[in-house]
Amino acid sequence: METIVRIHLFSTSGEGISGWYYKEDINEWLHENSYKIVVYIDPYPELIPVDGDHVKYVRSSKDDTEEDNLLKLDIYYEKQ
């Protein structure tokens, strides 16, 4: 089973946010700030922080698709 470890973020408004960020860090940012982060594919759903048993991650908001829109993004593998 594959899991999302980091997510590539960039700002469409020129705020200077650009790079790969750990899902746990994005989760904390969304809890602590009024950031609005969307998945960059139609219908551009917002990311929502999720806290489980000892796990922090993000998912996209519900829409009319069957699976989380994050899973539809291109996959990049890190070298170990």
C-alpha atoms as a PDB file:
ATOM      1  CA  MET A   1       0.000   0.000   0.000  1.00  0.00           C
ATOM      2  CA  GLU A   2       1.300   3.415  -0.936  1.00  0.00           C
ATOM      3  CA  THR A   3       0.848   6.460   1.219  1.00  0.00           C
ATOM      4  CA  ILE A   4       1.206  10.174   0.676  1.00  0.00           C
ATOM      5  CA  VAL A   5       4.180  11.443   2.640  1.00  0.00           C
ATOM      6  CA  ARG A   6       4.710  14.916   1.216  1.00  0.00           C
ATOM      7  CA  ILE A   7       2.584  17.204  -0.930  1.00  0.00           C
ATOM      8  CA  HIS A   8       3.861  19.807  -3.381  1.00  0.00           C
ATOM      9  CA  LEU A   9       2.408  23.237  -2.601  1.00  0.00           C
ATOM     10  CA  PHE A  10       2.655  26.424  -4.606  1.00  0.00           C
ATOM     11  CA  SER A  11       0.928  29.754  -4.390  1.00  0.00           C
ATOM     12  CA  THR A  12      -1.204  30.984  -7.260  1.00  0.00           C
ATOM     13  CA  SER A  13      -1.247  34.467  -5.722  1.00  0.00           C
ATOM     14  CA  GLY A  14       2.527  34.921  -5.491  1.00  0.00           C
ATOM     15  CA  GLU A  15       2.789  34.538  -1.698  1.00  0.00           C
ATOM     16  CA  GLY A  16       6.048  32.626  -2.004  1.00  0.00           C
ATOM     17  CA  ILE A  17       4.859  29.212  -0.813  1.00  0.00           C
ATOM     18  CA  SER A  18       6.559  26.655  -2.977  1.00  0.00           C
ATOM     19  CA  GLY A  19       7.970  23.233  -2.307  1.00  0.00           C
ATOM     20  CA  TRP A  20       7.307  19.797  -0.880  1.00  0.00           C
ATOM     21  CA  TYR A  21       5.780  19.742   2.608  1.00  0.00           C
ATOM     22  CA  TYR A  22       5.023  16.852   4.950  1.00  0.00           C
ATOM     23  CA  LYS A  23       1.324  16.114   5.352  1.00  0.00           C
ATOM     24  CA  GLU A  24       1.673  16.494   9.149  1.00  0.00           C
ATOM     25  CA  ASP A  25       3.034  20.040   8.716  1.00  0.00           C
ATOM     26  CA  ILE A  26       0.201  20.976   6.360  1.00  0.00           C
ATOM     27  CA  ASN A  27      -2.263  19.541   8.889  1.00  0.00           C
ATOM     28  CA  GLU A  28      -0.845  21.806  11.616  1.00  0.00           C
ATOM     29  CA  TRP A  29      -0.864  24.892   9.338  1.00  0.00           C
ATOM     30  CA  LEU A  30      -4.526  24.338   8.531  1.00  0.00           C
ATOM     31  CA  HIS A  31      -5.399  23.988  12.230  1.00  0.00           C
ATOM     32  CA  GLU A  32      -3.375  27.024  13.343  1.00  0.00           C
ATOM     33  CA  ASN A  33      -4.043  29.481  10.519  1.00  0.00           C
ATOM     34  CA  SER A  34      -6.746  30.625   8.173  1.00  0.00           C
ATOM     35  CA  TYR A  35      -4.977  29.173   5.140  1.00  0.00           C
ATOM     36  CA  LYS A  36      -7.040  27.891   2.282  1.00  0.00           C
ATOM     37  CA  ILE A  37      -5.229  25.171   0.364  1.00  0.00           C
ATOM     38  CA  VAL A  38      -6.886  23.503  -2.611  1.00  0.00           C
ATOM     39  CA  VAL A  39      -6.028  20.485  -4.738  1.00  0.00           C
ATOM     40  CA  TYR A  40      -4.909  21.777  -8.127  1.00  0.00           C
ATOM     41  CA  ILE A  41      -7.326  19.707 -10.222  1.00  0.00           C
ATOM     42  CA  ASP A  42     -10.944  20.370 -11.044  1.00  0.00           C
ATOM     43  CA  PRO A  43     -13.148  20.907  -8.995  1.00  0.00           C
ATOM     44  CA  TYR A  44     -10.345  22.352  -6.781  1.00  0.00           C
ATOM     45  CA  PRO A  45     -11.515  20.961  -3.427  1.00  0.00           C
ATOM     46  CA  GLU A  46     -10.037  22.366  -0.229  1.00  0.00           C
ATOM     47  CA  LEU A  47      -7.657  20.373   1.933  1.00  0.00           C
ATOM     48  CA  ILE A  48      -9.034  19.435   5.328  1.00  0.00           C
ATOM     49  CA  PRO A  49      -6.871  18.494   8.336  1.00  0.00           C
ATOM     50  CA  VAL A  50      -7.644  15.069   9.812  1.00  0.00           C
ATOM     51  CA  ASP A  51      -6.427  13.798  13.188  1.00  0.00           C
ATOM     52  CA  GLY A  52      -6.604  10.078  13.872  1.00  0.00           C
ATOM     53  CA  ASP A  53      -5.053   7.803  16.476  1.00  0.00           C
ATOM     54  CA  HIS A  54      -1.466   9.113  16.568  1.00  0.00           C
ATOM     55  CA  VAL A  55      -1.752  10.144  12.889  1.00  0.00           C
ATOM     56  CA  LYS A  56      -2.105  13.582  11.314  1.00  0.00           C
ATOM     57  CA  TYR A  57      -2.828  13.989   7.635  1.00  0.00           C
ATOM     58  CA  VAL A  58      -4.921  15.934   5.137  1.00  0.00           C
ATOM     59  CA  ARG A  59      -7.625  14.947   2.690  1.00  0.00           C
ATOM     60  CA  SER A  60      -9.615  16.829   0.107  1.00  0.00           C
ATOM     61  CA  SER A  61     -13.137  17.999   0.822  1.00  0.00           C
ATOM     62  CA  LYS A  62     -15.962  15.829  -0.463  1.00  0.00           C
ATOM     63  CA  ASP A  63     -17.248  16.359  -3.967  1.00  0.00           C
ATOM     64  CA  ASP A  64     -19.003  14.256  -6.556  1.00  0.00           C
ATOM     65  CA  THR A  65     -16.004  11.961  -7.158  1.00  0.00           C
ATOM     66  CA  GLU A  66     -15.526   8.507  -5.649  1.00  0.00           C
ATOM     67  CA  GLU A  67     -11.965   8.894  -4.334  1.00  0.00           C
ATOM     68  CA  ASP A  68      -9.978  11.629  -2.634  1.00  0.00           C
ATOM     69  CA  ASN A  69      -8.719  14.094  -5.243  1.00  0.00           C
ATOM     70  CA  LEU A  70      -5.217  13.952  -3.755  1.00  0.00           C
ATOM     71  CA  LEU A  71      -4.982  10.382  -5.034  1.00  0.00           C
ATOM     72  CA  LYS A  72      -5.551  11.632  -8.580  1.00  0.00           C
ATOM     73  CA  LEU A  73      -2.404  13.771  -8.596  1.00  0.00           C
ATOM     74  CA  ASP A  74       0.804  12.625 -10.278  1.00  0.00           C
ATOM     75  CA  ILE A  75       2.905  10.293  -8.114  1.00  0.00           C
ATOM     76  CA  TYR A  76       6.570  11.031  -7.431  1.00  0.00           C
ATOM     77  CA  TYR A  77       8.776   8.499  -5.717  1.00  0.00           C
ATOM     78  CA  GLU A  78      11.635   9.421  -3.394  1.00  0.00           C
ATOM     79  CA  LYS A  79      14.921   7.587  -3.535  1.00  0.00           C
ATOM     80  CA  GLN A  80      15.788   5.832  -0.294  1.00  0.00           C
END
